[in-house]
Amino acid sequence: MDAALDDVEFLALSANRVAVLRALAEGSRSRSDLAAETGASQATLGRILSDFEDRSWVRRAEGAYEATATGRLVADAFSDLLEALELERDLRDIVAYLPTEELGFDLARLTDATITVPTGTRPNAPVQRLLDLQRDAADVRAFSHAFNEQTLSLTAERAAAGDVRFRGVFSPEAVEALTDDAALRRHLLTLVDADDAAVRVRSAGVPVAGTVADGRVHLLVRDDSGVLRASIDTDDDTVREWADDAFERYWAAATPLDRDDVIASE
């Protein structure tokens, strides 16, 4: 273990070492190629390549260098570690609010996800990201414990125009919040009346706020007080499979919301 940690430290202490090993894992390179790709000096490259040869991570081949099988193994493993650490840094401030018990996938699947957080100048950035995804989507499915005014109005407008097929399953609290407000209730009625839209209510609630817009999964992350902390969206296949399954489970356990239900709340 100590020897392995020594090698981890050896790589981690030099960005040039990481860059050179990654490049050689992708294919054969000459020293001039490596210098152009990494910006390292010839003297630095000489030391790195010598150290790698001592570890049998690289070998010379026809005037160039290439990674050995073990060199590619180390490069791939170190790249995975860096990706995991980069993702951890992105999630560090919001992980406490993630409903991880409801997310049926490894967080590593979010490595290539887009994470949007509120800023001083764009406090509504996470919702705006969702609106951007939904604006041109032909098929939208949503499951959530909340339905904000912006997404509701956009969805109702597009559904009424026949521009989107929408299905949504929400908690009773989310629907009550809409029906208690006259303007939101009108938007909800428009959505319920649309030919290619359907809304259901799950009495047991919906513990996670998710949307699938043309196959891209979007999650809104709120804290215990309901304050929006971030949004995460990805087209990862595993995450999409989880979202598809979650939607179908919530949908099957919910009851349809129709016009009479909405009007009765007036």
C-alpha atoms as a PDB file:
ATOM      1  CA  MET A   1       0.000   0.000   0.000  1.00  0.00           C
ATOM      2  CA  ASP A   2       2.783   2.447   0.890  1.00  0.00           C
ATOM      3  CA  ALA A   3       4.528   1.811  -2.427  1.00  0.00           C
ATOM      4  CA  ALA A   4       1.278   2.406  -4.326  1.00  0.00           C
ATOM      5  CA  LEU A   5       0.707   5.645  -2.423  1.00  0.00           C
ATOM      6  CA  ASP A   6       4.245   6.702  -3.314  1.00  0.00           C
ATOM      7  CA  ASP A   7       3.376   6.293  -7.003  1.00  0.00           C
ATOM      8  CA  VAL A   8       0.141   8.237  -6.543  1.00  0.00           C
ATOM      9  CA  GLU A   9       2.119  11.035  -4.910  1.00  0.00           C
ATOM     10  CA  PHE A  10       4.742  10.841  -7.686  1.00  0.00           C
ATOM     11  CA  LEU A  11       2.075  11.517 -10.306  1.00  0.00           C
ATOM     12  CA  ALA A  12       0.008  13.969  -8.286  1.00  0.00           C
ATOM     13  CA  LEU A  13       2.961  16.271  -7.606  1.00  0.00           C
ATOM     14  CA  SER A  14       3.433  17.064 -11.307  1.00  0.00           C
ATOM     15  CA  ALA A  15       0.774  18.121 -13.774  1.00  0.00           C
ATOM     16  CA  ASN A  16       3.324  17.481 -16.523  1.00  0.00           C
ATOM     17  CA  ARG A  17       3.703  13.843 -15.481  1.00  0.00           C
ATOM     18  CA  VAL A  18      -0.064  13.367 -15.600  1.00  0.00           C
ATOM     19  CA  ALA A  19      -0.323  15.071 -18.992  1.00  0.00           C
ATOM     20  CA  VAL A  20       2.528  13.027 -20.492  1.00  0.00           C
ATOM     21  CA  LEU A  21       1.171   9.708 -19.233  1.00  0.00           C
ATOM     22  CA  ARG A  22      -2.330  10.529 -20.456  1.00  0.00           C
ATOM     23  CA  ALA A  23      -1.009  11.480 -23.881  1.00  0.00           C
ATOM     24  CA  LEU A  24       1.046   8.297 -24.217  1.00  0.00           C
ATOM     25  CA  ALA A  25      -1.925   6.194 -23.072  1.00  0.00           C
ATOM     26  CA  GLU A  26      -3.824   7.578 -26.056  1.00  0.00           C
ATOM     27  CA  GLY A  27      -1.096   6.641 -28.529  1.00  0.00           C
ATOM     28  CA  SER A  28       2.519   6.867 -29.559  1.00  0.00           C
ATOM     29  CA  ARG A  29       4.158  10.303 -29.318  1.00  0.00           C
ATOM     30  CA  SER A  30       7.566  11.729 -30.140  1.00  0.00           C
ATOM     31  CA  ARG A  31       9.261  14.045 -27.661  1.00  0.00           C
ATOM     32  CA  SER A  32       8.441  16.999 -29.897  1.00  0.00           C
ATOM     33  CA  ASP A  33       4.786  15.901 -29.926  1.00  0.00           C
ATOM     34  CA  LEU A  34       4.787  15.730 -26.124  1.00  0.00           C
ATOM     35  CA  ALA A  35       6.432  19.142 -25.840  1.00  0.00           C
ATOM     36  CA  ALA A  36       3.788  20.673 -28.105  1.00  0.00           C
ATOM     37  CA  GLU A  37       0.906  19.007 -26.239  1.00  0.00           C
ATOM     38  CA  THR A  38       2.069  19.600 -22.670  1.00  0.00           C
ATOM     39  CA  GLY A  39       4.225  22.714 -22.901  1.00  0.00           C
ATOM     40  CA  ALA A  40       6.941  20.941 -20.922  1.00  0.00           C
ATOM     41  CA  SER A  41      10.597  21.628 -21.734  1.00  0.00           C
ATOM     42  CA  GLN A  42      12.796  18.967 -23.296  1.00  0.00           C
ATOM     43  CA  ALA A  43      14.751  18.700 -20.054  1.00  0.00           C
ATOM     44  CA  THR A  44      11.559  18.126 -18.074  1.00  0.00           C
ATOM     45  CA  LEU A  45      10.334  15.579 -20.600  1.00  0.00           C
ATOM     46  CA  GLY A  46      13.616  13.741 -20.394  1.00  0.00           C
ATOM     47  CA  ARG A  47      13.295  13.341 -16.631  1.00  0.00           C
ATOM     48  CA  ILE A  48       9.646  12.305 -16.842  1.00  0.00           C
ATOM     49  CA  LEU A  49      10.218   9.730 -19.566  1.00  0.00           C
ATOM     50  CA  SER A  50      13.214   8.289 -17.733  1.00  0.00           C
ATOM     51  CA  ASP A  51      11.166   7.962 -14.534  1.00  0.00           C
ATOM     52  CA  PHE A  52       8.324   6.331 -16.475  1.00  0.00           C
ATOM     53  CA  GLU A  53      10.719   3.883 -18.125  1.00  0.00           C
ATOM     54  CA  ASP A  54      12.101   2.951 -14.701  1.00  0.00           C
ATOM     55  CA  ARG A  55       8.524   2.075 -13.661  1.00  0.00           C
ATOM     56  CA  SER A  56       7.857   0.232 -16.947  1.00  0.00           C
ATOM     57  CA  TRP A  57       4.992   2.607 -17.700  1.00  0.00           C
ATOM     58  CA  VAL A  58       6.361   3.627 -21.103  1.00  0.00           C
ATOM     59  CA  ARG A  59       8.708   2.219 -23.711  1.00  0.00           C
ATOM     60  CA  ARG A  60      10.518   3.512 -26.757  1.00  0.00           C
ATOM     61  CA  ALA A  61       9.152   2.368 -30.106  1.00  0.00           C
ATOM     62  CA  GLU A  62      10.531   3.435 -33.483  1.00  0.00           C
ATOM     63  CA  GLY A  63      11.883   6.788 -32.360  1.00  0.00           C
ATOM     64  CA  ALA A  64       8.841   7.620 -30.235  1.00  0.00           C
ATOM     65  CA  TYR A  65       7.311   6.656 -26.895  1.00  0.00           C
ATOM     66  CA  GLU A  66       4.197   4.721 -26.047  1.00  0.00           C
ATOM     67  CA  ALA A  67       2.521   3.567 -22.847  1.00  0.00           C
ATOM     68  CA  THR A  68       2.846  -0.040 -21.808  1.00  0.00           C
ATOM     69  CA  ALA A  69      -0.188  -2.040 -20.689  1.00  0.00           C
ATOM     70  CA  THR A  70       0.546  -1.139 -17.066  1.00  0.00           C
ATOM     71  CA  GLY A  71       1.148   2.477 -18.057  1.00  0.00           C
ATOM     72  CA  ARG A  72      -2.309   2.609 -19.630  1.00  0.00           C
ATOM     73  CA  LEU A  73      -3.744   0.986 -16.510  1.00  0.00           C
ATOM     74  CA  VAL A  74      -2.205   3.679 -14.302  1.00  0.00           C
ATOM     75  CA  ALA A  75      -3.255   6.476 -16.663  1.00  0.00           C
ATOM     76  CA  ASP A  76      -6.860   5.274 -16.766  1.00  0.00           C
ATOM     77  CA  ALA A  77      -7.055   4.760 -13.002  1.00  0.00           C
ATOM     78  CA  PHE A  78      -5.524   8.158 -12.257  1.00  0.00           C
ATOM     79  CA  SER A  79      -7.877   9.834 -14.731  1.00  0.00           C
ATOM     80  CA  ASP A  80     -10.827   8.167 -12.987  1.00  0.00           C
ATOM     81  CA  LEU A  81      -9.538   9.417  -9.633  1.00  0.00           C
ATOM     82  CA  LEU A  82      -9.186  12.966 -10.935  1.00  0.00           C
ATOM     83  CA  GLU A  83     -12.678  12.882 -12.425  1.00  0.00           C
ATOM     84  CA  ALA A  84     -14.111  11.623  -9.129  1.00  0.00           C
ATOM     85  CA  LEU A  85     -12.345  14.368  -7.185  1.00  0.00           C
ATOM     86  CA  GLU A  86     -13.446  17.037  -9.641  1.00  0.00           C
ATOM     87  CA  LEU A  87     -17.036  15.820  -9.334  1.00  0.00           C
ATOM     88  CA  GLU A  88     -16.750  15.745  -5.534  1.00  0.00           C
ATOM     89  CA  ARG A  89     -15.646  19.387  -5.543  1.00  0.00           C
ATOM     90  CA  ASP A  90     -18.629  20.296  -7.739  1.00  0.00           C
ATOM     91  CA  LEU A  91     -21.026  18.450  -5.419  1.00  0.00           C
ATOM     92  CA  ARG A  92     -19.368  19.360  -2.126  1.00  0.00           C
ATOM     93  CA  ASP A  93     -21.619  22.331  -1.333  1.00  0.00           C
ATOM     94  CA  ILE A  94     -24.869  20.606  -2.348  1.00  0.00           C
ATOM     95  CA  VAL A  95     -24.364  16.938  -1.440  1.00  0.00           C
ATOM     96  CA  ALA A  96     -26.074  17.467   1.914  1.00  0.00           C
ATOM     97  CA  TYR A  97     -29.273  18.361   0.030  1.00  0.00           C
ATOM     98  CA  LEU A  98     -29.197  15.546  -2.516  1.00  0.00           C
ATOM     99  CA  PRO A  99     -31.897  12.913  -1.904  1.00  0.00           C
ATOM    100  CA  THR A 100     -29.263  10.206  -2.322  1.00  0.00           C
ATOM    101  CA  GLU A 101     -31.546   7.513  -0.906  1.00  0.00           C
ATOM    102  CA  GLU A 102     -33.887   8.134  -3.850  1.00  0.00           C
ATOM    103  CA  LEU A 103     -31.210   8.317  -6.529  1.00  0.00           C
ATOM    104  CA  GLY A 104     -30.814   4.790  -7.815  1.00  0.00           C
ATOM    105  CA  PHE A 105     -27.473   5.377  -9.523  1.00  0.00           C
ATOM    106  CA  ASP A 106     -23.845   5.873  -8.572  1.00  0.00           C
ATOM    107  CA  LEU A 107     -22.919   9.552  -8.243  1.00  0.00           C
ATOM    108  CA  ALA A 108     -19.989   8.822 -10.574  1.00  0.00           C
ATOM    109  CA  ARG A 109     -22.581   8.839 -13.382  1.00  0.00           C
ATOM    110  CA  LEU A 110     -22.738  12.634 -12.908  1.00  0.00           C
ATOM    111  CA  THR A 111     -19.120  13.162 -13.973  1.00  0.00           C
ATOM    112  CA  ASP A 112     -20.181  14.861 -17.220  1.00  0.00           C
ATOM    113  CA  ALA A 113     -23.298  16.513 -15.794  1.00  0.00           C
ATOM    114  CA  THR A 114     -24.003  20.233 -15.950  1.00  0.00           C
ATOM    115  CA  ILE A 115     -24.308  21.637 -12.417  1.00  0.00           C
ATOM    116  CA  THR A 116     -25.920  25.059 -12.141  1.00  0.00           C
ATOM    117  CA  VAL A 117     -25.973  27.019  -8.883  1.00  0.00           C
ATOM    118  CA  PRO A 118     -27.563  30.351  -7.979  1.00  0.00           C
ATOM    119  CA  THR A 119     -25.302  33.394  -8.059  1.00  0.00           C
ATOM    120  CA  GLY A 120     -25.640  36.938  -6.845  1.00  0.00           C
ATOM    121  CA  THR A 121     -26.488  38.138 -10.330  1.00  0.00           C
ATOM    122  CA  ARG A 122     -28.454  35.027 -11.382  1.00  0.00           C
ATOM    123  CA  PRO A 123     -30.281  33.743  -8.302  1.00  0.00           C
ATOM    124  CA  ASN A 124     -32.728  31.855 -10.512  1.00  0.00           C
ATOM    125  CA  ALA A 125     -30.042  30.174 -12.655  1.00  0.00           C
ATOM    126  CA  PRO A 126     -31.059  26.560 -11.799  1.00  0.00           C
ATOM    127  CA  VAL A 127     -34.669  27.155 -12.873  1.00  0.00           C
ATOM    128  CA  GLN A 128     -33.519  29.051 -15.948  1.00  0.00           C
ATOM    129  CA  ARG A 129     -31.441  26.030 -16.924  1.00  0.00           C
ATOM    130  CA  LEU A 130     -34.574  23.855 -16.690  1.00  0.00           C
ATOM    131  CA  LEU A 131     -36.550  26.338 -18.783  1.00  0.00           C
ATOM    132  CA  ASP A 132     -33.831  26.292 -21.432  1.00  0.00           C
ATOM    133  CA  LEU A 133     -34.051  22.498 -21.634  1.00  0.00           C
ATOM    134  CA  GLN A 134     -37.845  22.468 -21.782  1.00  0.00           C
ATOM    135  CA  ARG A 135     -38.296  25.338 -24.223  1.00  0.00           C
ATOM    136  CA  ASP A 136     -37.746  23.245 -27.347  1.00  0.00           C
ATOM    137  CA  ALA A 137     -38.380  19.727 -26.012  1.00  0.00           C
ATOM    138  CA  ALA A 138     -41.045  17.691 -27.777  1.00  0.00           C
ATOM    139  CA  ASP A 139     -41.563  15.292 -24.855  1.00  0.00           C
ATOM    140  CA  VAL A 140     -41.421  16.277 -21.188  1.00  0.00           C
ATOM    141  CA  ARG A 141     -42.081  14.152 -18.122  1.00  0.00           C
ATOM    142  CA  ALA A 142     -41.875  15.591 -14.634  1.00  0.00           C
ATOM    143  CA  PHE A 143     -42.075  14.201 -11.115  1.00  0.00           C
ATOM    144  CA  SER A 144     -41.749  16.626  -8.253  1.00  0.00           C
ATOM    145  CA  HIS A 145     -42.815  17.993  -4.895  1.00  0.00           C
ATOM    146  CA  ALA A 146     -42.990  21.484  -6.426  1.00  0.00           C
ATOM    147  CA  PHE A 147     -44.079  23.135  -9.675  1.00  0.00           C
ATOM    148  CA  ASN A 148     -42.897  26.731  -9.974  1.00  0.00           C
ATOM    149  CA  GLU A 149     -44.684  29.479 -11.871  1.00  0.00           C
ATOM    150  CA  GLN A 150     -42.142  29.784 -14.676  1.00  0.00           C
ATOM    151  CA  THR A 151     -42.076  26.124 -15.645  1.00  0.00           C
ATOM    152  CA  LEU A 152     -45.844  25.842 -15.231  1.00  0.00           C
ATOM    153  CA  SER A 153     -46.585  28.809 -17.491  1.00  0.00           C
ATOM    154  CA  LEU A 154     -44.104  27.665 -20.149  1.00  0.00           C
ATOM    155  CA  THR A 155     -45.421  24.102 -20.094  1.00  0.00           C
ATOM    156  CA  ALA A 156     -49.065  25.204 -20.200  1.00  0.00           C
ATOM    157  CA  GLU A 157     -48.412  27.564 -23.114  1.00  0.00           C
ATOM    158  CA  ARG A 158     -46.536  24.963 -25.155  1.00  0.00           C
ATOM    159  CA  ALA A 159     -49.013  22.182 -24.363  1.00  0.00           C
ATOM    160  CA  ALA A 160     -51.973  24.347 -25.367  1.00  0.00           C
ATOM    161  CA  ALA A 161     -50.227  25.099 -28.656  1.00  0.00           C
ATOM    162  CA  GLY A 162     -49.600  21.414 -29.263  1.00  0.00           C
ATOM    163  CA  ASP A 163     -45.827  21.896 -29.137  1.00  0.00           C
ATOM    164  CA  VAL A 164     -45.087  19.373 -26.386  1.00  0.00           C
ATOM    165  CA  ARG A 165     -46.341  16.091 -24.998  1.00  0.00           C
ATOM    166  CA  PHE A 166     -46.366  16.519 -21.221  1.00  0.00           C
ATOM    167  CA  ARG A 167     -46.952  14.141 -18.346  1.00  0.00           C
ATOM    168  CA  GLY A 168     -46.379  15.181 -14.770  1.00  0.00           C
ATOM    169  CA  VAL A 169     -46.864  13.578 -11.369  1.00  0.00           C
ATOM    170  CA  PHE A 170     -46.732  15.810  -8.321  1.00  0.00           C
ATOM    171  CA  SER A 171     -47.209  15.762  -4.580  1.00  0.00           C
ATOM    172  CA  PRO A 172     -50.536  17.003  -3.161  1.00  0.00           C
ATOM    173  CA  GLU A 173     -48.716  19.998  -1.653  1.00  0.00           C
ATOM    174  CA  ALA A 174     -47.404  21.045  -5.058  1.00  0.00           C
ATOM    175  CA  VAL A 175     -50.869  20.967  -6.611  1.00  0.00           C
ATOM    176  CA  GLU A 176     -52.461  22.735  -3.627  1.00  0.00           C
ATOM    177  CA  ALA A 177     -49.942  25.567  -3.939  1.00  0.00           C
ATOM    178  CA  LEU A 178     -51.026  26.058  -7.554  1.00  0.00           C
ATOM    179  CA  THR A 179     -54.760  25.856  -6.988  1.00  0.00           C
ATOM    180  CA  ASP A 180     -54.560  28.320  -4.084  1.00  0.00           C
ATOM    181  CA  ASP A 181     -53.324  31.069  -6.412  1.00  0.00           C
ATOM    182  CA  ALA A 182     -55.726  32.401  -9.066  1.00  0.00           C
ATOM    183  CA  ALA A 183     -53.090  33.056 -11.738  1.00  0.00           C
ATOM    184  CA  LEU A 184     -51.360  29.716 -11.217  1.00  0.00           C
ATOM    185  CA  ARG A 185     -54.719  27.964 -11.193  1.00  0.00           C
ATOM    186  CA  ARG A 186     -55.466  29.355 -14.671  1.00  0.00           C
ATOM    187  CA  HIS A 187     -52.152  28.018 -15.963  1.00  0.00           C
ATOM    188  CA  LEU A 188     -52.908  24.648 -14.396  1.00  0.00           C
ATOM    189  CA  LEU A 189     -56.339  24.548 -16.039  1.00  0.00           C
ATOM    190  CA  THR A 190     -54.759  25.340 -19.395  1.00  0.00           C
ATOM    191  CA  LEU A 191     -52.359  22.434 -18.897  1.00  0.00           C
ATOM    192  CA  VAL A 192     -55.059  20.016 -17.767  1.00  0.00           C
ATOM    193  CA  ASP A 193     -57.230  20.954 -20.759  1.00  0.00           C
ATOM    194  CA  ALA A 194     -54.458  20.416 -23.319  1.00  0.00           C
ATOM    195  CA  ASP A 195     -55.017  17.391 -25.536  1.00  0.00           C
ATOM    196  CA  ASP A 196     -51.512  15.979 -25.163  1.00  0.00           C
ATOM    197  CA  ALA A 197     -50.939  16.701 -21.481  1.00  0.00           C
ATOM    198  CA  ALA A 198     -51.792  14.825 -18.300  1.00  0.00           C
ATOM    199  CA  VAL A 199     -51.216  15.550 -14.637  1.00  0.00           C
ATOM    200  CA  ARG A 200     -51.431  13.128 -11.745  1.00  0.00           C
ATOM    201  CA  VAL A 201     -51.175  13.501  -7.980  1.00  0.00           C
ATOM    202  CA  ARG A 202     -49.360  10.979  -5.801  1.00  0.00           C
ATOM    203  CA  SER A 203     -50.879  11.043  -2.324  1.00  0.00           C
ATOM    204  CA  ALA A 204     -47.692   9.641  -0.766  1.00  0.00           C
ATOM    205  CA  GLY A 205     -45.745  12.573  -2.196  1.00  0.00           C
ATOM    206  CA  VAL A 206     -42.792  12.766  -4.549  1.00  0.00           C
ATOM    207  CA  PRO A 207     -39.442  12.907  -2.740  1.00  0.00           C
ATOM    208  CA  VAL A 208     -37.302  14.164  -5.622  1.00  0.00           C
ATOM    209  CA  ALA A 209     -37.736  16.915  -8.216  1.00  0.00           C
ATOM    210  CA  GLY A 210     -36.918  15.515 -11.637  1.00  0.00           C
ATOM    211  CA  THR A 211     -37.701  16.275 -15.262  1.00  0.00           C
ATOM    212  CA  VAL A 212     -36.899  14.291 -18.391  1.00  0.00           C
ATOM    213  CA  ALA A 213     -36.879  16.589 -21.420  1.00  0.00           C
ATOM    214  CA  ASP A 214     -36.279  14.726 -24.683  1.00  0.00           C
ATOM    215  CA  GLY A 215     -34.200  12.174 -22.805  1.00  0.00           C
ATOM    216  CA  ARG A 216     -32.070  14.624 -20.804  1.00  0.00           C
ATOM    217  CA  VAL A 217     -32.565  14.306 -17.041  1.00  0.00           C
ATOM    218  CA  HIS A 218     -32.754  17.443 -14.912  1.00  0.00           C
ATOM    219  CA  LEU A 219     -32.848  17.485 -11.109  1.00  0.00           C
ATOM    220  CA  LEU A 220     -33.631  20.484  -8.908  1.00  0.00           C
ATOM    221  CA  VAL A 221     -31.893  20.392  -5.529  1.00  0.00           C
ATOM    222  CA  ARG A 222     -33.514  22.183  -2.582  1.00  0.00           C
ATOM    223  CA  ASP A 223     -32.582  22.316   1.094  1.00  0.00           C
ATOM    224  CA  ASP A 224     -34.877  21.386   3.976  1.00  0.00           C
ATOM    225  CA  SER A 225     -36.346  24.891   3.934  1.00  0.00           C
ATOM    226  CA  GLY A 226     -37.246  24.649   0.269  1.00  0.00           C
ATOM    227  CA  VAL A 227     -34.486  27.020  -0.854  1.00  0.00           C
ATOM    228  CA  LEU A 228     -33.165  26.169  -4.309  1.00  0.00           C
ATOM    229  CA  ARG A 229     -29.500  25.216  -4.075  1.00  0.00           C
ATOM    230  CA  ALA A 230     -28.639  23.839  -7.517  1.00  0.00           C
ATOM    231  CA  SER A 231     -29.738  21.982 -10.596  1.00  0.00           C
ATOM    232  CA  ILE A 232     -28.066  18.987 -12.201  1.00  0.00           C
ATOM    233  CA  ASP A 233     -28.705  17.778 -15.721  1.00  0.00           C
ATOM    234  CA  THR A 234     -27.213  14.945 -17.741  1.00  0.00           C
ATOM    235  CA  ASP A 235     -27.826  12.670 -20.707  1.00  0.00           C
ATOM    236  CA  ASP A 236     -26.076   9.718 -19.037  1.00  0.00           C
ATOM    237  CA  ASP A 237     -27.842   6.472 -19.998  1.00  0.00           C
ATOM    238  CA  THR A 238     -27.848   5.024 -16.475  1.00  0.00           C
ATOM    239  CA  VAL A 239     -29.308   8.198 -14.960  1.00  0.00           C
ATOM    240  CA  ARG A 240     -31.947   8.299 -17.686  1.00  0.00           C
ATOM    241  CA  GLU A 241     -32.908   4.681 -16.976  1.00  0.00           C
ATOM    242  CA  TRP A 242     -33.294   5.551 -13.292  1.00  0.00           C
ATOM    243  CA  ALA A 243     -35.416   8.613 -14.130  1.00  0.00           C
ATOM    244  CA  ASP A 244     -37.617   6.639 -16.517  1.00  0.00           C
ATOM    245  CA  ASP A 245     -38.196   3.980 -13.862  1.00  0.00           C
ATOM    246  CA  ALA A 246     -38.831   6.541 -11.108  1.00  0.00           C
ATOM    247  CA  PHE A 247     -41.364   8.392 -13.233  1.00  0.00           C
ATOM    248  CA  GLU A 248     -43.243   5.220 -14.125  1.00  0.00           C
ATOM    249  CA  ARG A 249     -43.369   4.114 -10.465  1.00  0.00           C
ATOM    250  CA  TYR A 250     -44.683   7.477  -9.276  1.00  0.00           C
ATOM    251  CA  TRP A 251     -47.083   7.713 -12.213  1.00  0.00           C
ATOM    252  CA  ALA A 252     -48.558   4.257 -11.585  1.00  0.00           C
ATOM    253  CA  ALA A 253     -49.160   5.096  -7.916  1.00  0.00           C
ATOM    254  CA  ALA A 254     -50.872   8.434  -8.653  1.00  0.00           C
ATOM    255  CA  THR A 255     -54.407   9.499  -9.513  1.00  0.00           C
ATOM    256  CA  PRO A 256     -55.359  11.740 -12.463  1.00  0.00           C
ATOM    257  CA  LEU A 257     -55.981  15.442 -11.858  1.00  0.00           C
ATOM    258  CA  ASP A 258     -58.842  16.724 -13.999  1.00  0.00           C
ATOM    259  CA  ARG A 259     -60.576  20.056 -14.569  1.00  0.00           C
ATOM    260  CA  ASP A 260     -63.217  19.446 -11.876  1.00  0.00           C
ATOM    261  CA  ASP A 261     -60.506  18.899  -9.261  1.00  0.00           C
ATOM    262  CA  VAL A 262     -58.936  22.243 -10.127  1.00  0.00           C
ATOM    263  CA  ILE A 263     -62.209  24.184 -10.323  1.00  0.00           C
ATOM    264  CA  ALA A 264     -63.368  22.761  -6.994  1.00  0.00           C
ATOM    265  CA  SER A 265     -60.518  24.547  -5.268  1.00  0.00           C
ATOM    266  CA  GLU A 266     -61.704  28.001  -6.380  1.00  0.00           C
END
